[in-house]
PDB file of N, CA and C in Angstrom:
ATOM      1  N   MET A   1      -4.072 -11.430 -10.860  1.00  0.00           N
ATOM      2  CA  MET A   1      -2.494 -12.429 -10.255  1.00  0.00           C
ATOM      3  C   MET A   1      -2.337 -12.657 -11.374  1.00  0.00           C
ATOM      4  N   TRP A   2      -0.962 -12.725 -11.542  1.00  0.00           N
ATOM      5  CA  TRP A   2      -0.261 -13.434 -12.473  1.00  0.00           C
ATOM      6  C   TRP A   2       0.957 -14.008 -11.950  1.00  0.00           C
ATOM      7  N   TYR A   3       1.635 -14.865 -12.553  1.00  0.00           N
ATOM      8  CA  TYR A   3       3.224 -15.298 -12.448  1.00  0.00           C
ATOM      9  C   TYR A   3       4.244 -15.229 -13.491  1.00  0.00           C
ATOM     10  N   ASN A   4       5.584 -14.803 -13.015  1.00  0.00           N
ATOM     11  CA  ASN A   4       6.333 -14.632 -14.197  1.00  0.00           C
ATOM     12  C   ASN A   4       7.135 -15.706 -14.087  1.00  0.00           C
ATOM     13  N   LYS A   5       6.890 -16.548 -15.309  1.00  0.00           N
ATOM     14  CA  LYS A   5       7.341 -17.703 -15.580  1.00  0.00           C
ATOM     15  C   LYS A   5       9.004 -17.860 -15.429  1.00  0.00           C
ATOM     16  N   SER A   6       9.524 -16.721 -15.165  1.00  0.00           N
ATOM     17  CA  SER A   6      10.957 -16.835 -15.935  1.00  0.00           C
ATOM     18  C   SER A   6      11.789 -16.786 -14.229  1.00  0.00           C
ATOM     19  N   MET A   7      11.075 -15.860 -13.177  1.00  0.00           N
ATOM     20  CA  MET A   7      11.229 -16.416 -11.724  1.00  0.00           C
ATOM     21  C   MET A   7      10.369 -17.094 -11.061  1.00  0.00           C
ATOM     22  N   GLN A   8       9.368 -17.428 -11.275  1.00  0.00           N
ATOM     23  CA  GLN A   8       8.357 -18.095 -10.573  1.00  0.00           C
ATOM     24  C   GLN A   8       7.799 -17.333  -9.408  1.00  0.00           C
ATOM     25  N   LYS A   9       7.862 -16.255  -9.475  1.00  0.00           N
ATOM     26  CA  LYS A   9       6.873 -14.998  -8.710  1.00  0.00           C
ATOM     27  C   LYS A   9       5.567 -14.732  -8.548  1.00  0.00           C
ATOM     28  N   LYS A  10       5.100 -14.581  -7.467  1.00  0.00           N
ATOM     29  CA  LYS A  10       3.675 -14.099  -8.050  1.00  0.00           C
ATOM     30  C   LYS A  10       3.930 -13.016  -8.088  1.00  0.00           C
ATOM     31  N   ILE A  11       2.722 -12.265  -8.864  1.00  0.00           N
ATOM     32  CA  ILE A  11       2.886 -10.918  -9.071  1.00  0.00           C
ATOM     33  C   ILE A  11       1.420 -10.567  -8.927  1.00  0.00           C
ATOM     34  N   MET A  12       1.230  -9.496  -7.832  1.00  0.00           N
ATOM     35  CA  MET A  12       0.074  -9.136  -7.805  1.00  0.00           C
ATOM     36  C   MET A  12      -0.035  -7.449  -7.569  1.00  0.00           C
ATOM     37  N   ASP A  13      -0.858  -7.069  -8.176  1.00  0.00           N
ATOM     38  CA  ASP A  13      -1.217  -5.119  -8.017  1.00  0.00           C
ATOM     39  C   ASP A  13      -2.344  -4.940  -6.833  1.00  0.00           C
ATOM     40  N   TYR A  14      -1.770  -3.935  -6.039  1.00  0.00           N
ATOM     41  CA  TYR A  14      -2.424  -3.603  -4.807  1.00  0.00           C
ATOM     42  C   TYR A  14      -3.062  -2.102  -5.088  1.00  0.00           C
ATOM     43  N   PRO A  15      -4.397  -1.884  -4.706  1.00  0.00           N
ATOM     44  CA  PRO A  15      -4.173  -0.246  -4.658  1.00  0.00           C
ATOM     45  C   PRO A  15      -3.880   0.607  -3.574  1.00  0.00           C
ATOM     46  N   VAL A  16      -3.617   1.463  -3.885  1.00  0.00           N
ATOM     47  CA  VAL A  16      -2.623   2.856  -3.105  1.00  0.00           C
ATOM     48  C   VAL A  16      -3.651   3.847  -3.351  1.00  0.00           C
ATOM     49  N   ILE A  17      -3.893   4.286  -1.863  1.00  0.00           N
ATOM     50  CA  ILE A  17      -4.604   5.996  -2.395  1.00  0.00           C
ATOM     51  C   ILE A  17      -3.652   6.784  -1.817  1.00  0.00           C
ATOM     52  N   ILE A  18      -3.564   7.773  -2.604  1.00  0.00           N
ATOM     53  CA  ILE A  18      -2.505   8.862  -1.891  1.00  0.00           C
ATOM     54  C   ILE A  18      -3.584   9.946  -2.044  1.00  0.00           C
ATOM     55  N   ARG A  19      -3.047  10.752  -0.826  1.00  0.00           N
ATOM     56  CA  ARG A  19      -3.454  12.555  -0.555  1.00  0.00           C
ATOM     57  C   ARG A  19      -2.557  13.526   0.190  1.00  0.00           C
ATOM     58  N   SER A  20      -2.962  14.801  -0.610  1.00  0.00           N
ATOM     59  CA  SER A  20      -2.063  15.841   0.338  1.00  0.00           C
ATOM     60  C   SER A  20      -2.377  15.639   1.521  1.00  0.00           C
ATOM     61  N   ASP A  21      -1.026  15.973   2.316  1.00  0.00           N
ATOM     62  CA  ASP A  21      -1.772  16.220   3.939  1.00  0.00           C
ATOM     63  C   ASP A  21      -0.823  17.147   4.526  1.00  0.00           C
ATOM     64  N   LYS A  22      -0.648  17.431   5.630  1.00  0.00           N
ATOM     65  CA  LYS A  22       0.254  18.078   6.374  1.00  0.00           C
ATOM     66  C   LYS A  22       0.688  17.139   7.660  1.00  0.00           C
ATOM     67  N   ARG A  23       1.768  17.371   7.986  1.00  0.00           N
ATOM     68  CA  ARG A  23       2.738  16.672   9.222  1.00  0.00           C
ATOM     69  C   ARG A  23       2.026  17.407  10.315  1.00  0.00           C
ATOM     70  N   THR A  24       2.223  16.160  11.079  1.00  0.00           N
ATOM     71  CA  THR A  24       1.863  16.911  12.538  1.00  0.00           C
ATOM     72  C   THR A  24       2.608  17.173  13.471  1.00  0.00           C
ATOM     73  N   GLY A  25       2.427  18.363  13.764  1.00  0.00           N
ATOM     74  CA  GLY A  25       3.600  19.238  14.438  1.00  0.00           C
ATOM     75  C   GLY A  25       4.027  20.440  13.974  1.00  0.00           C
ATOM     76  N   THR A  26       4.782  20.525  12.607  1.00  0.00           N
ATOM     77  CA  THR A  26       5.263  21.542  11.905  1.00  0.00           C
ATOM     78  C   THR A  26       3.823  21.747  11.151  1.00  0.00           C
ATOM     79  N   ASN A  27       2.802  20.816  10.348  1.00  0.00           N
ATOM     80  CA  ASN A  27       1.835  21.525   9.782  1.00  0.00           C
ATOM     81  C   ASN A  27       2.763  21.880   8.013  1.00  0.00           C
ATOM     82  N   ALA A  28       3.617  21.145   7.778  1.00  0.00           N
ATOM     83  CA  ALA A  28       4.309  21.159   6.495  1.00  0.00           C
ATOM     84  C   ALA A  28       3.499  20.431   5.562  1.00  0.00           C
ATOM     85  N   LYS A  29       3.329  20.328   4.278  1.00  0.00           N
ATOM     86  CA  LYS A  29       2.929  20.142   2.978  1.00  0.00           C
ATOM     87  C   LYS A  29       3.821  18.258   3.207  1.00  0.00           C
ATOM     88  N   CYS A  30       2.851  17.516   2.807  1.00  0.00           N
ATOM     89  CA  CYS A  30       3.467  16.103   2.424  1.00  0.00           C
ATOM     90  C   CYS A  30       2.162  15.631   1.659  1.00  0.00           C
ATOM     91  N   TYR A  31       2.546  14.166   1.366  1.00  0.00           N
ATOM     92  CA  TYR A  31       1.631  12.969   0.835  1.00  0.00           C
ATOM     93  C   TYR A  31       1.672  11.965   1.610  1.00  0.00           C
ATOM     94  N   SER A  32       0.586  11.870   1.989  1.00  0.00           N
ATOM     95  CA  SER A  32       0.192  10.208   2.781  1.00  0.00           C
ATOM     96  C   SER A  32      -0.275   9.172   1.813  1.00  0.00           C
ATOM     97  N   ALA A  33       0.456   7.989   2.109  1.00  0.00           N
ATOM     98  CA  ALA A  33      -0.191   6.851   0.929  1.00  0.00           C
ATOM     99  C   ALA A  33      -0.622   5.775   1.979  1.00  0.00           C
ATOM    100  N   TYR A  34      -1.708   5.304   1.683  1.00  0.00           N
ATOM    101  CA  TYR A  34      -2.247   4.107   2.098  1.00  0.00           C
ATOM    102  C   TYR A  34      -2.948   2.726   1.459  1.00  0.00           C
ATOM    103  N   CYS A  35      -2.523   1.448   1.530  1.00  0.00           N
ATOM    104  CA  CYS A  35      -2.555   0.378   0.959  1.00  0.00           C
ATOM    105  C   CYS A  35      -4.086  -0.192   1.612  1.00  0.00           C
ATOM    106  N   PRO A  36      -5.075  -0.366   1.356  1.00  0.00           N
ATOM    107  CA  PRO A  36      -6.392  -0.690   2.224  1.00  0.00           C
ATOM    108  C   PRO A  36      -6.132  -2.166   2.518  1.00  0.00           C
ATOM    109  N   ILE A  37      -5.657  -2.754   1.701  1.00  0.00           N
ATOM    110  CA  ILE A  37      -5.605  -4.220   1.686  1.00  0.00           C
ATOM    111  C   ILE A  37      -4.534  -4.850   2.491  1.00  0.00           C
ATOM    112  N   LEU A  38      -3.562  -4.373   2.372  1.00  0.00           N
ATOM    113  CA  LEU A  38      -2.352  -4.619   3.355  1.00  0.00           C
ATOM    114  C   LEU A  38      -2.340  -3.761   4.750  1.00  0.00           C
ATOM    115  N   GLU A  39      -3.359  -2.548   4.837  1.00  0.00           N
ATOM    116  CA  GLU A  39      -3.257  -1.894   5.932  1.00  0.00           C
ATOM    117  C   GLU A  39      -1.926  -1.243   6.064  1.00  0.00           C
ATOM    118  N   VAL A  40      -1.631  -0.609   5.170  1.00  0.00           N
ATOM    119  CA  VAL A  40       0.011  -0.365   5.093  1.00  0.00           C
ATOM    120  C   VAL A  40      -0.103   1.365   5.150  1.00  0.00           C
ATOM    121  N   TYR A  41       0.536   2.260   5.911  1.00  0.00           N
ATOM    122  CA  TYR A  41       0.624   3.766   5.495  1.00  0.00           C
ATOM    123  C   TYR A  41       2.084   4.039   5.402  1.00  0.00           C
ATOM    124  N   ALA A  42       2.264   5.054   4.959  1.00  0.00           N
ATOM    125  CA  ALA A  42       3.773   5.634   4.474  1.00  0.00           C
ATOM    126  C   ALA A  42       3.449   7.479   3.695  1.00  0.00           C
ATOM    127  N   ASP A  43       4.519   7.799   4.342  1.00  0.00           N
ATOM    128  CA  ASP A  43       4.150   9.038   4.106  1.00  0.00           C
ATOM    129  C   ASP A  43       5.802   9.599   2.988  1.00  0.00           C
ATOM    130  N   GLY A  44       5.272  11.077   2.135  1.00  0.00           N
ATOM    131  CA  GLY A  44       6.898  11.138   1.517  1.00  0.00           C
ATOM    132  C   GLY A  44       6.393  13.274   1.337  1.00  0.00           C
ATOM    133  N   ASP A  45       7.544  13.572   1.174  1.00  0.00           N
ATOM    134  CA  ASP A  45       7.404  15.335   0.713  1.00  0.00           C
ATOM    135  C   ASP A  45       6.921  15.217  -0.526  1.00  0.00           C
ATOM    136  N   THR A  46       6.992  14.437  -1.250  1.00  0.00           N
ATOM    137  CA  THR A  46       6.265  14.177  -2.972  1.00  0.00           C
ATOM    138  C   THR A  46       6.055  12.935  -2.869  1.00  0.00           C
ATOM    139  N   VAL A  47       4.937  13.280  -4.331  1.00  0.00           N
ATOM    140  CA  VAL A  47       3.973  11.894  -4.491  1.00  0.00           C
ATOM    141  C   VAL A  47       4.803  10.652  -4.738  1.00  0.00           C
ATOM    142  N   GLU A  48       6.207  10.804  -5.412  1.00  0.00           N
ATOM    143  CA  GLU A  48       6.920   9.808  -5.950  1.00  0.00           C
ATOM    144  C   GLU A  48       7.923   9.302  -4.686  1.00  0.00           C
ATOM    145  N   GLU A  49       8.035   9.913  -3.733  1.00  0.00           N
ATOM    146  CA  GLU A  49       8.576   9.783  -2.293  1.00  0.00           C
ATOM    147  C   GLU A  49       7.449   8.756  -1.439  1.00  0.00           C
ATOM    148  N   ALA A  50       6.336   9.188  -1.287  1.00  0.00           N
ATOM    149  CA  ALA A  50       5.570   8.290  -0.789  1.00  0.00           C
ATOM    150  C   ALA A  50       5.155   7.171  -1.396  1.00  0.00           C
ATOM    151  N   LEU A  51       4.999   7.240  -2.936  1.00  0.00           N
ATOM    152  CA  LEU A  51       4.739   6.051  -3.595  1.00  0.00           C
ATOM    153  C   LEU A  51       6.168   4.739  -3.058  1.00  0.00           C
ATOM    154  N   SER A  52       7.346   5.340  -3.184  1.00  0.00           N
ATOM    155  CA  SER A  52       8.744   4.572  -3.103  1.00  0.00           C
ATOM    156  C   SER A  52       8.487   3.895  -1.559  1.00  0.00           C
ATOM    157  N   ASP A  53       8.025   5.019  -0.714  1.00  0.00           N
ATOM    158  CA  ASP A  53       8.033   4.202   1.009  1.00  0.00           C
ATOM    159  C   ASP A  53       6.998   3.014   1.095  1.00  0.00           C
ATOM    160  N   ILE A  54       5.786   3.344   0.516  1.00  0.00           N
ATOM    161  CA  ILE A  54       5.057   2.710   0.853  1.00  0.00           C
ATOM    162  C   ILE A  54       5.348   1.350  -0.248  1.00  0.00           C
ATOM    163  N   LYS A  55       5.963   1.553  -1.094  1.00  0.00           N
ATOM    164  CA  LYS A  55       6.387   0.247  -2.008  1.00  0.00           C
ATOM    165  C   LYS A  55       7.001  -0.647  -0.975  1.00  0.00           C
ATOM    166  N   LYS A  56       7.893   0.019  -0.244  1.00  0.00           N
ATOM    167  CA  LYS A  56       8.779  -0.632   0.800  1.00  0.00           C
ATOM    168  C   LYS A  56       8.291  -0.925   1.638  1.00  0.00           C
ATOM    169  N   SER A  57       7.278  -0.823   1.936  1.00  0.00           N
ATOM    170  CA  SER A  57       6.295  -1.152   3.330  1.00  0.00           C
ATOM    171  C   SER A  57       5.530  -2.248   2.976  1.00  0.00           C
ATOM    172  N   MET A  58       5.004  -2.026   2.009  1.00  0.00           N
ATOM    173  CA  MET A  58       4.063  -3.355   1.308  1.00  0.00           C
ATOM    174  C   MET A  58       5.188  -4.265   1.117  1.00  0.00           C
ATOM    175  N   GLU A  59       6.396  -4.482   0.812  1.00  0.00           N
ATOM    176  CA  GLU A  59       7.404  -5.355   0.305  1.00  0.00           C
ATOM    177  C   GLU A  59       7.662  -6.206   1.636  1.00  0.00           C
ATOM    178  N   LEU A  60       7.836  -5.221   3.134  1.00  0.00           N
ATOM    179  CA  LEU A  60       8.075  -5.768   4.204  1.00  0.00           C
ATOM    180  C   LEU A  60       6.886  -6.748   4.482  1.00  0.00           C
ATOM    181  N   VAL A  61       5.541  -6.257   4.294  1.00  0.00           N
ATOM    182  CA  VAL A  61       4.505  -6.653   4.917  1.00  0.00           C
ATOM    183  C   VAL A  61       4.569  -7.953   4.330  1.00  0.00           C
ATOM    184  N   VAL A  62       4.305  -7.831   2.778  1.00  0.00           N
ATOM    185  CA  VAL A  62       4.096  -9.203   2.372  1.00  0.00           C
ATOM    186  C   VAL A  62       5.388 -10.209   2.742  1.00  0.00           C
ATOM    187  N   GLU A  63       6.525  -9.833   2.658  1.00  0.00           N
ATOM    188  CA  GLU A  63       7.435 -10.831   2.981  1.00  0.00           C
ATOM    189  C   GLU A  63       7.419 -11.544   4.593  1.00  0.00           C
ATOM    190  N   VAL A  64       6.615 -10.870   5.717  1.00  0.00           N
ATOM    191  CA  VAL A  64       6.477 -10.923   6.459  1.00  0.00           C
ATOM    192  C   VAL A  64       5.419 -12.117   6.683  1.00  0.00           C
ATOM    193  N   ASN A  65       4.602 -12.134   6.011  1.00  0.00           N
ATOM    194  CA  ASN A  65       2.873 -12.129   6.121  1.00  0.00           C
ATOM    195  C   ASN A  65       3.535 -14.119   5.401  1.00  0.00           C
ATOM    196  N   LYS A  66       4.547 -13.975   4.724  1.00  0.00           N
ATOM    197  CA  LYS A  66       4.983 -15.513   3.891  1.00  0.00           C
ATOM    198  C   LYS A  66       5.123 -16.384   5.033  1.00  0.00           C
ATOM    199  N   SER A  67       5.405 -15.926   6.264  1.00  0.00           N
ATOM    200  CA  SER A  67       6.004 -16.942   7.313  1.00  0.00           C
ATOM    201  C   SER A  67       4.834 -17.512   8.221  1.00  0.00           C
ATOM    202  N   TYR A  68       3.387 -16.545   7.920  1.00  0.00           N
ATOM    203  CA  TYR A  68       2.405 -17.004   8.576  1.00  0.00           C
ATOM    204  C   TYR A  68       1.339 -17.594   7.670  1.00  0.00           C
ATOM    205  N   ASP A  69       0.344 -17.764   8.506  1.00  0.00           N
ATOM    206  CA  ASP A  69      -0.759 -18.259   7.680  1.00  0.00           C
ATOM    207  C   ASP A  69      -1.244 -17.118   7.465  1.00  0.00           C
ATOM    208  N   TYR A  70      -1.463 -16.669   5.726  1.00  0.00           N
ATOM    209  CA  TYR A  70      -1.698 -15.386   5.781  1.00  0.00           C
ATOM    210  C   TYR A  70      -3.418 -15.539   5.658  1.00  0.00           C
ATOM    211  N   GLN A  71      -3.822 -14.343   6.055  1.00  0.00           N
ATOM    212  CA  GLN A  71      -5.155 -14.716   6.130  1.00  0.00           C
ATOM    213  C   GLN A  71      -6.005 -13.868   5.142  1.00  0.00           C
ATOM    214  N   GLU A  72      -7.602 -14.786   4.542  1.00  0.00           N
ATOM    215  CA  GLU A  72      -7.882 -14.064   3.268  1.00  0.00           C
ATOM    216  C   GLU A  72      -8.378 -12.855   3.613  1.00  0.00           C
ATOM    217  N   THR A  73      -8.167 -12.281   2.463  1.00  0.00           N
ATOM    218  CA  THR A  73      -8.448 -11.041   2.335  1.00  0.00           C
ATOM    219  C   THR A  73      -9.697 -10.626   1.439  1.00  0.00           C
ATOM    220  N   ILE A  74     -10.821 -10.077   1.433  1.00  0.00           N
ATOM    221  CA  ILE A  74     -11.947  -9.862   0.277  1.00  0.00           C
ATOM    222  C   ILE A  74     -11.734  -8.108   0.136  1.00  0.00           C
ATOM    223  N   LEU A  75     -11.432  -8.420  -1.317  1.00  0.00           N
ATOM    224  CA  LEU A  75     -11.832  -6.822  -1.385  1.00  0.00           C
ATOM    225  C   LEU A  75     -13.221  -6.703  -2.261  1.00  0.00           C
ATOM    226  N   THR A  76     -13.817  -5.710  -2.198  1.00  0.00           N
ATOM    227  CA  THR A  76     -14.928  -5.393  -2.755  1.00  0.00           C
ATOM    228  C   THR A  76     -15.740  -3.937  -2.432  1.00  0.00           C
ATOM    229  N   SER A  77     -16.789  -3.549  -2.868  1.00  0.00           N
ATOM    230  CA  SER A  77     -17.090  -2.254  -2.843  1.00  0.00           C
ATOM    231  C   SER A  77     -18.733  -1.651  -1.871  1.00  0.00           C
ATOM    232  N   VAL A  78     -18.458  -1.107  -1.753  1.00  0.00           N
ATOM    233  CA  VAL A  78     -19.938  -0.295  -0.956  1.00  0.00           C
ATOM    234  C   VAL A  78     -20.466   0.387  -1.853  1.00  0.00           C
ATOM    235  N   ARG A  79     -21.847   0.444  -2.315  1.00  0.00           N
ATOM    236  CA  ARG A  79     -22.414   1.749  -3.063  1.00  0.00           C
ATOM    237  C   ARG A  79     -23.344   2.623  -1.983  1.00  0.00           C
ATOM    238  N   LEU A  80     -23.362   3.751  -2.033  1.00  0.00           N
ATOM    239  CA  LEU A  80     -23.794   4.758  -1.225  1.00  0.00           C
ATOM    240  C   LEU A  80     -24.797   5.457  -1.859  1.00  0.00           C
ATOM    241  N   ALA A  81     -25.731   5.974  -1.114  1.00  0.00           N
ATOM    242  CA  ALA A  81     -26.578   6.692  -2.078  1.00  0.00           C
ATOM    243  C   ALA A  81     -26.883   7.840  -0.911  1.00  0.00           C
ATOM    244  N   PHE A  82     -26.633   9.090  -1.840  1.00  0.00           N
ATOM    245  CA  PHE A  82     -26.898  10.244  -0.782  1.00  0.00           C
ATOM    246  C   PHE A  82     -27.090  11.285  -1.393  1.00  0.00           C
TER     247      PHE A  82
END
């Protein structure tokens, strides 16, 4: 996390997972995007559209969460051996 000094805004990077998918009902090809930290989903016909849509959704979630006591989120990993 870092701050943009000229705008005094907090800048954070969030991981986003994108995978190829099929639309329910039509089986048309699409791309699903998921941000695990914010628990936000979006989709699009292209990777670029999925990224654009999830960014808008993430911005909305962050804006709404500003007005509430934001719950602490812990990012960690789990190693599996199989």
